Protein backbone atom coordinates (compact mmCIF):
# COMPACT_ATOMS: atom_id res chain seq x y z
CA MET A 1 6.50 1.95 -32.41
CA ALA A 2 3.26 0.26 -31.49
CA THR A 3 4.74 -2.44 -29.52
CA SER A 4 6.68 0.44 -27.60
CA HIS A 5 3.58 2.26 -27.01
CA THR A 6 1.51 -1.11 -26.03
CA ARG A 7 3.97 -1.57 -23.44
CA PHE A 8 3.71 1.64 -22.02
CA VAL A 9 -0.40 1.65 -21.93
CA GLU A 10 0.00 -1.86 -20.36
CA LEU A 11 2.46 -0.64 -17.69
CA GLU A 12 0.02 2.36 -16.77
CA TRP A 13 -2.65 0.21 -16.29
CA ILE A 14 -0.76 -2.05 -13.97
CA MET A 15 0.70 1.08 -12.09
CA ALA A 16 -2.92 2.31 -11.75
CA MET A 17 -4.01 -1.23 -10.07
CA PRO A 18 -4.92 -1.25 -6.24
CA PHE A 19 -1.73 -2.26 -4.93
CA THR A 20 -0.10 -1.44 -1.36
CA GLN A 21 2.61 1.80 -1.22
CA GLY A 22 5.17 -1.13 -0.89
CA GLU A 23 4.32 -3.24 -3.63
CA GLN A 24 4.18 0.10 -6.00
CA LEU A 25 7.47 0.49 -4.79
CA VAL A 26 8.38 -2.63 -5.32
CA LEU A 27 7.12 -3.05 -8.73
CA ARG A 28 8.44 0.36 -10.07
CA HIS A 29 12.28 -1.08 -8.94
CA LEU A 30 11.48 -4.21 -10.93
CA ILE A 31 10.49 -2.91 -13.86
CA SER A 32 13.39 -1.21 -13.80
CA GLY A 33 15.06 -4.71 -13.97
CA GLU A 34 16.66 -4.61 -10.33
CA SER A 35 16.87 -7.59 -8.37
CA SER A 36 15.38 -8.39 -4.98
CA GLU A 37 18.79 -7.81 -3.31
CA GLU A 38 19.07 -4.42 -5.01
CA ILE A 39 15.47 -3.55 -4.06
CA ALA A 40 16.00 -4.14 -0.36
CA ALA A 41 19.19 -2.06 -0.19
CA ALA A 42 17.56 0.88 -2.49
CA LEU A 43 14.73 1.02 -0.10
CA ASP A 44 16.44 0.02 2.64
CA TRP A 45 14.11 -2.49 3.69
CA PRO A 46 14.65 -6.48 5.22
CA LEU A 47 14.98 -8.77 1.92
CA GLN A 48 11.96 -11.16 2.99
CA ALA A 49 9.55 -7.69 2.83
CA VAL A 50 11.01 -7.18 -0.77
CA ARG A 51 10.34 -11.16 -1.57
CA ASN A 52 6.45 -10.71 -0.06
CA CYS A 53 5.84 -7.98 -2.06
CA THR A 54 7.42 -9.31 -5.21
CA HIS A 55 5.25 -12.91 -4.47
CA THR A 56 1.93 -10.80 -4.20
CA LEU A 57 3.06 -9.00 -7.63
CA ILE A 58 3.65 -12.73 -9.30
CA THR A 59 0.68 -14.27 -8.00
CA TRP A 60 -1.62 -11.12 -9.31
CA VAL A 61 -0.21 -11.31 -13.07
CA LEU A 62 -0.76 -15.15 -12.81
CA ASP A 63 -3.93 -14.56 -12.26
CA GLU A 64 -4.73 -12.10 -14.64
CA LEU A 65 -3.16 -13.86 -17.19
CA GLY A 66 -5.69 -17.10 -15.95
CA GLU A 67 -8.40 -15.10 -16.15
CA SER A 68 -7.57 -13.65 -19.74
CA GLY A 69 -7.08 -17.16 -20.95
CA ARG A 70 -3.43 -16.26 -21.53
CA THR A 71 0.05 -18.15 -20.34
CA PRO A 72 3.05 -16.83 -19.45
CA SER A 73 4.45 -19.08 -21.82
CA GLU A 74 3.12 -16.95 -24.37
CA TYR A 75 5.11 -14.03 -23.54
CA LEU A 76 8.28 -14.85 -22.01
CA PRO A 77 11.17 -16.58 -23.92
CA ALA A 78 12.26 -20.30 -23.54
CA PRO A 79 13.68 -21.41 -20.90
CA PRO A 80 17.43 -22.52 -21.03
CA PRO A 81 18.22 -26.09 -22.30
CA PHE A 82 19.19 -28.23 -18.77
CA ALA A 83 23.16 -28.90 -18.75
């Protein structure tokens, strides 16, 4: 229960950040697990516009992790082994 509550609080904090309206729309779709292509189709946007927003959001996340002394690898599963 604590984990889902913590995740919900983190999502609220992230959504309260001063992102542009477009970045907020893309973020909501990303949180839902949609791909860039699915987001572009849902919003009727060019794929490049979605990718630009995604790039901005990823850069922000990495900056936030770096400032807090954390690394993405602490929170992500290990990549699959090379075949």
